[in-house]
């Protein structure tokens, strides 16, 4: 399948790319710094640009059958300059997807992101309080971003993991109402994300994911 990946140079994105290539997918990556792709740079089609720029997003979507996004909130200093950008970018992305006739999009939000018709378990509620205190407006923007996608007419799936770690041992679970642990295995999460490309079970749903 021909897929476009946003956030492919990050912690989750790099593992997702590795697995996507292993599965034989034809991958296009939008990256501000293509060099961060390392040896994978020569194995993917790389569009150099910014996720917040509609023109480069449009270029990255050319010929895609589906989109996978690992775009996360900014960390550390300078995050204030991103306030308001995530909802704007999602609005633009939805428009570009509709224009291109691409309906399938799979994204990663957080376990604490509230969505209509979805009840947050206690662990996620506690995490939400922490995220709002630490992340402030950026966390609210990410909530709005997920809500905009959920209210679109696209065939979306929004994965809601808690802390993502490599090497976490246990069984993977995706559930609409249960969060079994505060962590999810990185490899398992990416494998599940890719499995949704050929599985309709989680279309227009937001599974909570965890490993225990």
N, C-alpha and C. Protein backbone atom coordinates (compact mmCIF):
# COMPACT_ATOMS: atom_id res chain seq x y z
N UNK A 1 0.84 -1.18 0.00
CA UNK A 1 0.00 0.00 0.00
C UNK A 1 0.88 1.25 0.00
N UNK A 2 0.41 2.30 -0.63
CA UNK A 2 1.14 3.56 -0.66
C UNK A 2 0.67 4.43 0.51
N UNK A 3 1.58 4.70 1.44
CA UNK A 3 1.19 5.45 2.63
C UNK A 3 2.06 6.69 2.79
N UNK A 4 1.45 7.73 3.35
CA UNK A 4 2.17 8.95 3.70
C UNK A 4 2.26 9.00 5.22
N UNK A 5 3.47 9.27 5.72
CA UNK A 5 3.69 9.30 7.16
C UNK A 5 4.11 10.71 7.59
N UNK A 6 3.42 11.24 8.58
CA UNK A 6 3.81 12.49 9.21
C UNK A 6 4.42 12.17 10.58
N UNK A 7 5.49 12.85 10.92
CA UNK A 7 6.16 12.57 12.20
C UNK A 7 7.09 11.37 12.12
N UNK A 8 7.59 11.08 10.93
CA UNK A 8 8.39 9.89 10.72
C UNK A 8 9.80 9.93 11.28
N UNK A 9 10.26 11.10 11.74
CA UNK A 9 11.62 11.18 12.27
C UNK A 9 11.64 11.12 13.80
N UNK A 10 10.49 10.98 14.42
CA UNK A 10 10.42 10.93 15.87
C UNK A 10 10.59 9.53 16.44
N UNK A 11 10.46 9.42 17.75
CA UNK A 11 10.63 8.16 18.46
C UNK A 11 9.69 7.08 17.94
N UNK A 12 8.42 7.42 17.82
CA UNK A 12 7.43 6.46 17.31
C UNK A 12 7.55 6.33 15.80
N UNK A 13 7.72 7.46 15.13
CA UNK A 13 7.75 7.47 13.67
C UNK A 13 8.81 6.60 13.06
N UNK A 14 10.02 6.59 13.64
CA UNK A 14 11.09 5.77 13.08
C UNK A 14 10.78 4.29 13.17
N UNK A 15 10.21 3.86 14.29
CA UNK A 15 9.83 2.45 14.41
C UNK A 15 8.71 2.12 13.43
N UNK A 16 7.77 3.04 13.28
CA UNK A 16 6.67 2.83 12.34
C UNK A 16 7.21 2.67 10.91
N UNK A 17 8.16 3.51 10.54
CA UNK A 17 8.75 3.42 9.20
C UNK A 17 9.46 2.09 8.99
N UNK A 18 10.23 1.66 9.98
CA UNK A 18 10.93 0.39 9.88
C UNK A 18 9.97 -0.75 9.62
N UNK A 19 8.89 -0.78 10.39
CA UNK A 19 7.92 -1.86 10.24
C UNK A 19 7.16 -1.75 8.91
N UNK A 20 6.84 -0.52 8.49
CA UNK A 20 6.12 -0.32 7.23
C UNK A 20 6.95 -0.81 6.06
N UNK A 21 8.24 -0.53 6.09
CA UNK A 21 9.13 -0.98 5.01
C UNK A 21 9.28 -2.50 5.04
N UNK A 22 9.36 -3.07 6.24
CA UNK A 22 9.45 -4.53 6.37
C UNK A 22 8.22 -5.21 5.78
N UNK A 23 7.07 -4.55 5.91
CA UNK A 23 5.82 -5.11 5.40
C UNK A 23 5.63 -4.86 3.91
N UNK A 24 6.55 -4.10 3.31
CA UNK A 24 6.49 -3.89 1.87
C UNK A 24 5.67 -2.70 1.41
N UNK A 25 5.32 -1.81 2.32
CA UNK A 25 4.56 -0.62 1.93
C UNK A 25 5.45 0.37 1.18
N UNK A 26 4.84 1.12 0.29
CA UNK A 26 5.53 2.19 -0.42
C UNK A 26 5.30 3.46 0.39
N UNK A 27 6.38 4.03 0.94
CA UNK A 27 6.24 5.08 1.96
C UNK A 27 6.75 6.44 1.49
N UNK A 28 5.93 7.46 1.74
CA UNK A 28 6.34 8.86 1.56
C UNK A 28 6.37 9.50 2.94
N UNK A 29 7.44 10.22 3.24
CA UNK A 29 7.60 10.86 4.54
C UNK A 29 7.75 12.36 4.36
N UNK A 30 7.02 13.13 5.14
CA UNK A 30 7.22 14.57 5.20
C UNK A 30 8.13 14.86 6.39
N UNK A 31 9.28 15.47 6.13
CA UNK A 31 10.24 15.70 7.21
C UNK A 31 10.93 17.05 7.06
N UNK A 32 11.04 17.77 8.16
CA UNK A 32 11.77 19.04 8.13
C UNK A 32 13.26 18.79 7.99
N UNK A 33 13.73 17.69 8.58
CA UNK A 33 15.15 17.34 8.54
C UNK A 33 15.30 15.91 8.03
N UNK A 34 15.32 15.72 6.70
CA UNK A 34 15.42 14.37 6.13
C UNK A 34 16.61 13.57 6.64
N UNK A 35 17.68 14.24 7.04
CA UNK A 35 18.87 13.53 7.53
C UNK A 35 18.56 12.70 8.76
N UNK A 36 17.52 13.08 9.51
CA UNK A 36 17.15 12.34 10.71
C UNK A 36 16.60 10.95 10.39
N UNK A 37 16.29 10.72 9.14
CA UNK A 37 15.78 9.40 8.74
C UNK A 37 16.91 8.37 8.67
N UNK A 38 18.14 8.85 8.69
CA UNK A 38 19.27 7.93 8.66
C UNK A 38 19.29 7.08 7.40
N UNK A 39 19.57 5.80 7.57
CA UNK A 39 19.67 4.90 6.42
C UNK A 39 18.33 4.67 5.73
N UNK A 40 17.23 5.01 6.40
CA UNK A 40 15.91 4.83 5.78
C UNK A 40 15.62 5.89 4.73
N UNK A 41 16.40 6.96 4.72
CA UNK A 41 16.18 8.06 3.78
C UNK A 41 16.18 7.59 2.33
N UNK A 42 17.02 6.60 2.04
CA UNK A 42 17.12 6.09 0.67
C UNK A 42 16.07 5.02 0.35
N UNK A 43 15.28 4.68 1.34
CA UNK A 43 14.28 3.62 1.13
C UNK A 43 12.85 4.18 1.09
N UNK A 44 12.72 5.47 1.29
CA UNK A 44 11.41 6.11 1.25
C UNK A 44 11.46 7.29 0.29
N UNK A 45 10.29 7.77 -0.07
CA UNK A 45 10.20 9.02 -0.83
C UNK A 45 10.05 10.13 0.20
N UNK A 46 11.02 11.04 0.25
CA UNK A 46 11.02 12.06 1.30
C UNK A 46 10.69 13.43 0.73
N UNK A 47 9.69 14.06 1.32
CA UNK A 47 9.34 15.43 0.98
C UNK A 47 9.86 16.31 2.11
N UNK A 48 10.77 17.21 1.78
CA UNK A 48 11.31 18.09 2.82
C UNK A 48 10.35 19.26 3.04
N UNK A 49 9.91 19.41 4.28
CA UNK A 49 8.98 20.49 4.56
C UNK A 49 8.38 20.38 5.94
N UNK A 50 7.46 21.28 6.22
CA UNK A 50 6.86 21.43 7.53
C UNK A 50 5.41 20.96 7.52
N UNK A 51 5.03 20.21 8.53
CA UNK A 51 3.65 19.73 8.67
C UNK A 51 2.65 20.88 8.71
N UNK A 52 3.10 22.04 9.20
CA UNK A 52 2.21 23.18 9.33
C UNK A 52 2.08 23.99 8.04
N UNK A 53 2.74 23.54 6.99
CA UNK A 53 2.67 24.22 5.70
C UNK A 53 1.79 23.40 4.74
N UNK A 54 0.67 23.98 4.34
CA UNK A 54 -0.31 23.26 3.52
C UNK A 54 0.26 22.79 2.18
N UNK A 55 1.18 23.56 1.60
CA UNK A 55 1.72 23.21 0.30
C UNK A 55 2.57 21.93 0.36
N UNK A 56 3.42 21.83 1.38
CA UNK A 56 4.25 20.63 1.48
C UNK A 56 3.42 19.42 1.89
N UNK A 57 2.39 19.64 2.69
CA UNK A 57 1.47 18.54 3.05
C UNK A 57 0.79 18.03 1.79
N UNK A 58 0.37 18.94 0.93
CA UNK A 58 -0.29 18.55 -0.32
C UNK A 58 0.66 17.71 -1.18
N UNK A 59 1.91 18.13 -1.24
CA UNK A 59 2.90 17.37 -2.02
C UNK A 59 3.09 15.97 -1.45
N UNK A 60 3.11 15.87 -0.13
CA UNK A 60 3.35 14.58 0.53
C UNK A 60 2.19 13.61 0.34
N UNK A 61 1.01 14.14 0.07
CA UNK A 61 -0.17 13.29 -0.08
C UNK A 61 -0.34 12.72 -1.48
N UNK A 62 0.45 13.20 -2.42
CA UNK A 62 0.29 12.77 -3.81
C UNK A 62 0.43 11.26 -3.95
N UNK A 63 -0.62 10.62 -4.49
CA UNK A 63 -0.59 9.19 -4.77
C UNK A 63 -0.82 8.29 -3.58
N UNK A 64 -1.09 8.85 -2.41
CA UNK A 64 -1.24 8.03 -1.20
C UNK A 64 -2.59 7.33 -1.15
N UNK A 65 -2.59 6.11 -0.60
CA UNK A 65 -3.83 5.39 -0.33
C UNK A 65 -4.32 5.66 1.09
N UNK A 66 -3.38 5.98 1.97
CA UNK A 66 -3.73 6.21 3.38
C UNK A 66 -2.65 7.07 4.04
N UNK A 67 -3.02 7.66 5.18
CA UNK A 67 -2.10 8.52 5.93
C UNK A 67 -1.96 8.00 7.35
N UNK A 68 -0.71 7.99 7.84
CA UNK A 68 -0.44 7.65 9.24
C UNK A 68 0.30 8.83 9.85
N UNK A 69 -0.19 9.31 10.99
CA UNK A 69 0.42 10.47 11.62
C UNK A 69 0.87 10.17 13.04
N UNK A 70 2.13 10.49 13.30
CA UNK A 70 2.70 10.36 14.65
C UNK A 70 3.09 11.73 15.20
N UNK A 71 2.47 12.77 14.68
CA UNK A 71 2.80 14.12 15.12
C UNK A 71 2.42 14.29 16.59
N UNK A 72 3.41 14.56 17.41
CA UNK A 72 3.16 14.74 18.83
C UNK A 72 3.34 16.18 19.25
N UNK A 73 3.01 16.51 20.50
CA UNK A 73 3.18 17.87 20.98
C UNK A 73 4.65 18.20 21.15
N UNK A 74 5.04 19.46 20.98
CA UNK A 74 6.45 19.85 21.15
C UNK A 74 6.86 19.74 22.61
N UNK A 75 8.14 19.43 22.81
CA UNK A 75 8.66 19.29 24.16
C UNK A 75 9.68 20.39 24.44
N UNK A 76 9.80 20.75 25.70
CA UNK A 76 10.83 21.69 26.10
C UNK A 76 10.52 23.13 25.77
N UNK A 77 11.58 23.94 25.70
CA UNK A 77 11.43 25.37 25.47
C UNK A 77 10.96 25.66 24.05
N UNK A 78 10.28 26.78 23.88
CA UNK A 78 9.83 27.19 22.56
C UNK A 78 8.50 26.63 22.15
N UNK A 79 7.87 25.86 23.02
CA UNK A 79 6.61 25.24 22.65
C UNK A 79 5.49 26.26 22.47
N UNK A 80 5.62 27.42 23.10
CA UNK A 80 4.56 28.44 23.03
C UNK A 80 4.32 28.90 21.59
N UNK A 81 5.35 28.83 20.74
CA UNK A 81 5.18 29.28 19.36
C UNK A 81 4.27 28.36 18.55
N UNK A 82 3.97 27.17 19.11
CA UNK A 82 3.10 26.23 18.42
C UNK A 82 1.64 26.34 18.86
N UNK A 83 1.36 27.21 19.81
CA UNK A 83 -0.01 27.35 20.30
C UNK A 83 -0.93 27.77 19.14
N UNK A 84 -2.01 27.03 18.99
CA UNK A 84 -2.98 27.31 17.93
C UNK A 84 -2.66 26.67 16.60
N UNK A 85 -1.46 26.14 16.43
CA UNK A 85 -1.07 25.61 15.13
C UNK A 85 -1.65 24.23 14.83
N UNK A 86 -1.80 23.41 15.86
CA UNK A 86 -2.26 22.04 15.62
C UNK A 86 -3.69 21.97 15.08
N UNK A 87 -4.65 22.69 15.67
CA UNK A 87 -5.99 22.68 15.08
C UNK A 87 -6.01 23.24 13.66
N UNK A 88 -5.23 24.29 13.42
CA UNK A 88 -5.17 24.86 12.07
C UNK A 88 -4.62 23.85 11.08
N UNK A 89 -3.57 23.15 11.49
CA UNK A 89 -2.97 22.15 10.60
C UNK A 89 -3.92 21.00 10.33
N UNK A 90 -4.67 20.57 11.35
CA UNK A 90 -5.62 19.48 11.15
C UNK A 90 -6.75 19.91 10.21
N UNK A 91 -7.22 21.12 10.37
CA UNK A 91 -8.27 21.63 9.48
C UNK A 91 -7.78 21.62 8.03
N UNK A 92 -6.55 22.07 7.83
CA UNK A 92 -5.95 22.08 6.50
C UNK A 92 -5.76 20.67 5.96
N UNK A 93 -5.29 19.75 6.83
CA UNK A 93 -5.06 18.37 6.41
C UNK A 93 -6.36 17.70 5.98
N UNK A 94 -7.42 17.90 6.75
CA UNK A 94 -8.71 17.31 6.39
C UNK A 94 -9.16 17.80 5.01
N UNK A 95 -8.99 19.09 4.77
CA UNK A 95 -9.36 19.66 3.46
C UNK A 95 -8.54 19.04 2.35
N UNK A 96 -7.23 18.91 2.58
CA UNK A 96 -6.35 18.33 1.56
C UNK A 96 -6.69 16.86 1.29
N UNK A 97 -7.01 16.12 2.34
CA UNK A 97 -7.39 14.72 2.18
C UNK A 97 -8.68 14.59 1.37
N UNK A 98 -9.64 15.42 1.69
CA UNK A 98 -10.92 15.38 0.97
C UNK A 98 -10.72 15.75 -0.50
N UNK A 99 -9.89 16.74 -0.75
CA UNK A 99 -9.61 17.17 -2.12
C UNK A 99 -8.91 16.07 -2.91
N UNK A 100 -7.99 15.37 -2.23
CA UNK A 100 -7.23 14.30 -2.89
C UNK A 100 -8.01 12.99 -2.98
N UNK A 101 -9.15 12.92 -2.31
CA UNK A 101 -9.94 11.69 -2.33
C UNK A 101 -9.37 10.59 -1.45
N UNK A 102 -8.57 10.98 -0.46
CA UNK A 102 -8.00 10.01 0.48
C UNK A 102 -8.88 9.98 1.72
N UNK A 103 -9.42 8.83 2.05
CA UNK A 103 -10.36 8.75 3.17
C UNK A 103 -9.76 8.15 4.44
N UNK A 104 -8.72 7.32 4.30
CA UNK A 104 -8.20 6.58 5.46
C UNK A 104 -7.05 7.33 6.12
N UNK A 105 -7.22 7.60 7.41
CA UNK A 105 -6.17 8.25 8.19
C UNK A 105 -6.12 7.64 9.59
N UNK A 106 -4.93 7.29 10.03
CA UNK A 106 -4.73 6.68 11.34
C UNK A 106 -3.74 7.56 12.09
N UNK A 107 -4.12 8.04 13.26
CA UNK A 107 -3.27 8.96 14.00
C UNK A 107 -3.07 8.48 15.43
N UNK A 108 -2.10 9.11 16.10
CA UNK A 108 -1.86 8.83 17.52
C UNK A 108 -2.12 10.10 18.31
N UNK A 109 -3.00 9.98 19.28
CA UNK A 109 -3.25 11.06 20.23
C UNK A 109 -2.72 10.57 21.58
N UNK A 110 -3.34 10.94 22.67
CA UNK A 110 -2.92 10.46 23.98
C UNK A 110 -4.07 9.76 24.68
N UNK A 111 -3.75 8.93 25.66
CA UNK A 111 -4.78 8.19 26.37
C UNK A 111 -5.76 9.11 27.08
N UNK A 112 -5.33 10.34 27.37
CA UNK A 112 -6.18 11.25 28.14
C UNK A 112 -7.05 12.15 27.26
N UNK A 113 -6.96 11.98 25.94
CA UNK A 113 -7.75 12.82 25.03
C UNK A 113 -9.21 12.38 25.06
N UNK A 114 -10.13 13.30 25.43
CA UNK A 114 -11.55 12.94 25.48
C UNK A 114 -12.20 13.09 24.11
N UNK A 115 -13.05 12.13 23.76
CA UNK A 115 -13.76 12.19 22.49
C UNK A 115 -15.22 11.86 22.72
N UNK A 116 -16.13 12.39 21.91
CA UNK A 116 -17.55 12.13 22.10
C UNK A 116 -17.87 10.64 22.10
N UNK A 117 -18.68 10.21 23.07
CA UNK A 117 -19.09 8.82 23.15
C UNK A 117 -18.05 7.90 23.75
N UNK A 118 -16.94 8.46 24.22
CA UNK A 118 -15.88 7.64 24.79
C UNK A 118 -15.65 8.06 26.24
N UNK A 119 -15.75 7.09 27.15
CA UNK A 119 -15.53 7.36 28.57
C UNK A 119 -14.08 7.11 28.92
N UNK A 120 -13.46 8.08 29.59
CA UNK A 120 -12.08 7.90 30.01
C UNK A 120 -12.02 7.06 31.28
N UNK A 121 -11.21 6.00 31.31
CA UNK A 121 -11.02 5.25 32.55
C UNK A 121 -10.26 6.10 33.55
N UNK A 122 -10.26 5.67 34.82
CA UNK A 122 -9.66 6.45 35.90
C UNK A 122 -8.21 6.81 35.61
N UNK A 123 -7.41 5.86 35.13
CA UNK A 123 -6.00 6.13 34.85
C UNK A 123 -5.83 7.25 33.84
N UNK A 124 -6.70 7.26 32.82
CA UNK A 124 -6.64 8.29 31.79
C UNK A 124 -7.09 9.64 32.34
N UNK A 125 -8.06 9.64 33.24
CA UNK A 125 -8.53 10.89 33.85
C UNK A 125 -7.42 11.55 34.67
N UNK A 126 -6.69 10.72 35.41
CA UNK A 126 -5.57 11.23 36.21
C UNK A 126 -4.49 11.79 35.28
N UNK A 127 -4.22 11.05 34.20
CA UNK A 127 -3.22 11.51 33.23
C UNK A 127 -3.65 12.82 32.58
N UNK A 128 -4.95 12.96 32.34
CA UNK A 128 -5.46 14.18 31.72
C UNK A 128 -5.19 15.41 32.59
N UNK A 129 -5.42 15.27 33.89
CA UNK A 129 -5.16 16.39 34.80
C UNK A 129 -3.68 16.78 34.73
N UNK A 130 -2.81 15.79 34.72
CA UNK A 130 -1.36 16.06 34.65
C UNK A 130 -1.00 16.73 33.34
N UNK A 131 -1.58 16.26 32.23
CA UNK A 131 -1.26 16.82 30.93
C UNK A 131 -1.70 18.27 30.82
N UNK A 132 -2.88 18.58 31.37
CA UNK A 132 -3.37 19.95 31.32
C UNK A 132 -2.51 20.89 32.16
N UNK A 133 -2.00 20.37 33.27
CA UNK A 133 -1.13 21.19 34.12
C UNK A 133 0.22 21.41 33.43
N UNK A 134 0.78 20.34 32.88
CA UNK A 134 2.11 20.43 32.26
C UNK A 134 2.05 21.08 30.87
N UNK A 135 1.08 20.65 30.09
CA UNK A 135 1.03 21.10 28.70
C UNK A 135 0.25 22.37 28.45
N UNK A 136 -0.67 22.69 29.35
CA UNK A 136 -1.45 23.92 29.19
C UNK A 136 -2.21 23.96 27.88
N UNK A 137 -2.08 25.07 27.17
CA UNK A 137 -2.85 25.29 25.95
C UNK A 137 -2.48 24.31 24.85
N UNK A 138 -1.22 23.88 24.82
CA UNK A 138 -0.82 22.91 23.80
C UNK A 138 -1.64 21.63 23.94
N UNK A 139 -1.86 21.19 25.18
CA UNK A 139 -2.67 19.98 25.42
C UNK A 139 -4.10 20.21 24.96
N UNK A 140 -4.62 21.38 25.20
CA UNK A 140 -5.99 21.69 24.75
C UNK A 140 -6.06 21.74 23.23
N UNK A 141 -5.00 22.24 22.61
CA UNK A 141 -4.95 22.26 21.15
C UNK A 141 -4.95 20.85 20.57
N UNK A 142 -4.20 19.95 21.22
CA UNK A 142 -4.16 18.57 20.75
C UNK A 142 -5.51 17.89 20.94
N UNK A 143 -6.23 18.25 22.00
CA UNK A 143 -7.59 17.74 22.19
C UNK A 143 -8.49 18.20 21.04
N UNK A 144 -8.38 19.48 20.71
CA UNK A 144 -9.19 20.05 19.64
C UNK A 144 -8.86 19.42 18.30
N UNK A 145 -7.58 19.17 18.09
CA UNK A 145 -7.12 18.53 16.86
C UNK A 145 -7.80 17.16 16.68
N UNK A 146 -7.80 16.36 17.74
CA UNK A 146 -8.40 15.03 17.68
C UNK A 146 -9.91 15.13 17.46
N UNK A 147 -10.54 16.09 18.12
CA UNK A 147 -11.99 16.27 17.98
C UNK A 147 -12.35 16.65 16.55
N UNK A 148 -11.56 17.50 15.94
CA UNK A 148 -11.82 17.91 14.55
C UNK A 148 -11.77 16.70 13.61
N UNK A 149 -10.79 15.84 13.83
CA UNK A 149 -10.69 14.65 12.99
C UNK A 149 -11.88 13.72 13.23
N UNK A 150 -12.26 13.57 14.50
CA UNK A 150 -13.38 12.69 14.85
C UNK A 150 -14.71 13.18 14.27
N UNK A 151 -14.81 14.48 14.06
CA UNK A 151 -16.05 15.05 13.53
C UNK A 151 -16.03 15.16 12.01
N UNK A 152 -14.93 14.74 11.39
CA UNK A 152 -14.84 14.79 9.93
C UNK A 152 -15.55 13.59 9.32
N UNK A 153 -15.68 13.59 8.03
CA UNK A 153 -16.31 12.48 7.33
C UNK A 153 -15.31 11.43 6.87
N UNK A 154 -14.06 11.54 7.33
CA UNK A 154 -13.02 10.60 6.92
C UNK A 154 -13.12 9.28 7.66
N UNK A 155 -12.47 8.27 7.14
CA UNK A 155 -12.40 6.96 7.82
C UNK A 155 -11.19 6.98 8.75
N UNK A 156 -11.36 7.60 9.90
CA UNK A 156 -10.26 7.80 10.83
C UNK A 156 -10.20 6.71 11.89
N UNK A 157 -9.01 6.55 12.43
CA UNK A 157 -8.80 5.77 13.65
C UNK A 157 -7.81 6.58 14.48
N UNK A 158 -8.16 6.86 15.72
CA UNK A 158 -7.29 7.63 16.60
C UNK A 158 -6.81 6.73 17.73
N UNK A 159 -5.54 6.35 17.68
CA UNK A 159 -4.97 5.51 18.73
C UNK A 159 -4.68 6.37 19.96
N UNK A 160 -5.04 5.85 21.14
CA UNK A 160 -4.82 6.63 22.37
C UNK A 160 -3.95 5.83 23.35
N UNK A 161 -2.64 5.89 23.16
CA UNK A 161 -1.73 5.19 24.08
C UNK A 161 -1.40 6.05 25.30
N UNK A 162 -0.99 5.41 26.41
CA UNK A 162 -0.45 6.15 27.55
C UNK A 162 1.03 6.41 27.26
N UNK A 163 1.93 6.17 28.21
CA UNK A 163 3.36 6.31 27.95
C UNK A 163 3.82 5.26 26.96
N UNK A 164 4.62 5.66 25.99
CA UNK A 164 5.11 4.73 24.96
C UNK A 164 6.57 4.40 25.25
N UNK A 165 6.87 3.11 25.40
CA UNK A 165 8.24 2.68 25.71
C UNK A 165 8.64 1.47 24.87
N UNK A 166 9.91 1.41 24.54
CA UNK A 166 10.42 0.21 23.87
C UNK A 166 10.73 -0.83 24.95
N UNK A 167 10.48 -2.08 24.62
CA UNK A 167 10.85 -3.16 25.53
C UNK A 167 9.88 -3.47 26.64
N UNK A 168 8.73 -2.81 26.69
CA UNK A 168 7.72 -3.13 27.71
C UNK A 168 7.21 -4.54 27.44
N UNK A 169 7.20 -5.38 28.46
CA UNK A 169 6.79 -6.77 28.29
C UNK A 169 5.33 -6.96 28.65
N UNK A 170 4.69 -7.85 27.91
CA UNK A 170 3.30 -8.16 28.19
C UNK A 170 2.48 -8.27 26.93
N UNK A 171 1.19 -8.47 27.12
CA UNK A 171 0.26 -8.59 26.00
C UNK A 171 -0.31 -7.22 25.65
N UNK A 172 -0.46 -7.00 24.36
CA UNK A 172 -1.02 -5.75 23.86
C UNK A 172 -2.54 -5.81 23.89
N UNK A 173 -3.16 -4.70 24.25
CA UNK A 173 -4.62 -4.63 24.22
C UNK A 173 -5.09 -3.30 23.64
N UNK A 174 -6.09 -3.38 22.79
CA UNK A 174 -6.79 -2.19 22.29
C UNK A 174 -8.22 -2.29 22.77
N UNK A 175 -8.69 -1.25 23.44
CA UNK A 175 -10.02 -1.28 24.03
C UNK A 175 -10.66 0.10 23.95
N UNK A 176 -11.97 0.13 23.83
CA UNK A 176 -12.68 1.41 23.81
C UNK A 176 -12.87 1.98 25.21
N UNK A 177 -12.67 1.15 26.24
CA UNK A 177 -12.98 1.63 27.59
C UNK A 177 -11.95 1.27 28.66
N UNK A 178 -10.99 0.39 28.35
CA UNK A 178 -10.08 -0.10 29.38
C UNK A 178 -8.63 0.24 29.05
N UNK A 179 -7.91 0.69 30.08
CA UNK A 179 -6.49 0.95 29.98
C UNK A 179 -5.81 0.09 31.04
N UNK A 180 -5.10 -0.94 30.60
CA UNK A 180 -4.61 -1.94 31.54
C UNK A 180 -3.33 -1.53 32.26
N UNK A 181 -2.58 -0.60 31.71
CA UNK A 181 -1.33 -0.18 32.34
C UNK A 181 -0.99 1.24 31.88
N UNK A 182 -0.02 1.89 32.56
CA UNK A 182 0.35 3.25 32.16
C UNK A 182 1.31 3.29 30.97
N UNK A 183 1.64 2.11 30.40
CA UNK A 183 2.57 2.08 29.27
C UNK A 183 2.09 1.15 28.16
N UNK A 184 2.61 1.42 26.96
CA UNK A 184 2.37 0.53 25.84
C UNK A 184 3.72 0.27 25.16
N UNK A 185 3.90 -0.94 24.68
CA UNK A 185 5.12 -1.33 23.99
C UNK A 185 5.18 -0.64 22.62
N UNK A 186 6.29 0.02 22.35
CA UNK A 186 6.46 0.77 21.10
C UNK A 186 6.25 -0.09 19.87
N UNK A 187 6.91 -1.24 19.83
CA UNK A 187 6.82 -2.12 18.67
C UNK A 187 5.39 -2.62 18.47
N UNK A 188 4.72 -2.98 19.56
CA UNK A 188 3.34 -3.46 19.47
C UNK A 188 2.40 -2.36 18.97
N UNK A 189 2.62 -1.15 19.47
CA UNK A 189 1.77 -0.03 19.06
C UNK A 189 1.88 0.23 17.56
N UNK A 190 3.11 0.25 17.05
CA UNK A 190 3.32 0.50 15.62
C UNK A 190 2.75 -0.63 14.77
N UNK A 191 2.91 -1.86 15.25
CA UNK A 191 2.37 -3.01 14.53
C UNK A 191 0.84 -2.91 14.44
N UNK A 192 0.23 -2.50 15.55
CA UNK A 192 -1.22 -2.34 15.57
C UNK A 192 -1.66 -1.22 14.63
N UNK A 193 -0.89 -0.14 14.63
CA UNK A 193 -1.21 0.99 13.76
C UNK A 193 -1.22 0.56 12.30
N UNK A 194 -0.21 -0.18 11.90
CA UNK A 194 -0.14 -0.65 10.52
C UNK A 194 -1.22 -1.68 10.20
N UNK A 195 -1.58 -2.49 11.18
CA UNK A 195 -2.60 -3.52 10.94
C UNK A 195 -3.95 -2.90 10.59
N UNK A 196 -4.16 -1.66 11.03
CA UNK A 196 -5.43 -0.97 10.74
C UNK A 196 -5.56 -0.55 9.29
N UNK A 197 -4.48 -0.63 8.53
CA UNK A 197 -4.56 -0.30 7.11
C UNK A 197 -5.42 -1.31 6.36
N UNK A 198 -5.45 -2.53 6.86
CA UNK A 198 -6.21 -3.59 6.19
C UNK A 198 -7.32 -4.16 7.07
N UNK A 199 -7.72 -3.40 8.07
CA UNK A 199 -8.74 -3.87 9.01
C UNK A 199 -9.72 -2.74 9.29
N UNK A 200 -10.99 -3.01 9.09
CA UNK A 200 -12.02 -1.98 9.28
C UNK A 200 -12.57 -1.95 10.71
N UNK A 201 -12.07 -2.82 11.59
CA UNK A 201 -12.67 -2.95 12.93
C UNK A 201 -12.64 -1.67 13.74
N UNK A 202 -11.61 -0.84 13.53
CA UNK A 202 -11.46 0.36 14.36
C UNK A 202 -11.70 1.65 13.58
N UNK A 203 -12.36 1.56 12.44
CA UNK A 203 -12.68 2.78 11.69
C UNK A 203 -13.68 3.62 12.48
N UNK A 204 -13.36 4.90 12.59
CA UNK A 204 -14.15 5.89 13.34
C UNK A 204 -14.28 5.52 14.81
N UNK A 205 -13.20 4.96 15.33
CA UNK A 205 -13.11 4.63 16.75
C UNK A 205 -11.75 5.10 17.27
N UNK A 206 -11.66 5.21 18.61
CA UNK A 206 -10.43 5.71 19.23
C UNK A 206 -9.98 4.74 20.32
N UNK A 207 -9.35 3.65 19.94
CA UNK A 207 -8.96 2.63 20.93
C UNK A 207 -7.89 3.11 21.91
N UNK A 208 -8.10 2.79 23.19
CA UNK A 208 -7.08 2.96 24.20
C UNK A 208 -6.14 1.77 24.06
N UNK A 209 -4.84 2.02 24.06
CA UNK A 209 -3.89 0.93 23.84
C UNK A 209 -2.94 0.81 25.03
N UNK A 210 -2.64 -0.41 25.43
CA UNK A 210 -1.73 -0.61 26.56
C UNK A 210 -1.12 -2.00 26.49
N UNK A 211 -0.04 -2.19 27.24
CA UNK A 211 0.67 -3.47 27.30
C UNK A 211 0.81 -3.89 28.75
N UNK A 212 0.39 -5.12 29.04
CA UNK A 212 0.51 -5.62 30.42
C UNK A 212 0.64 -7.14 30.39
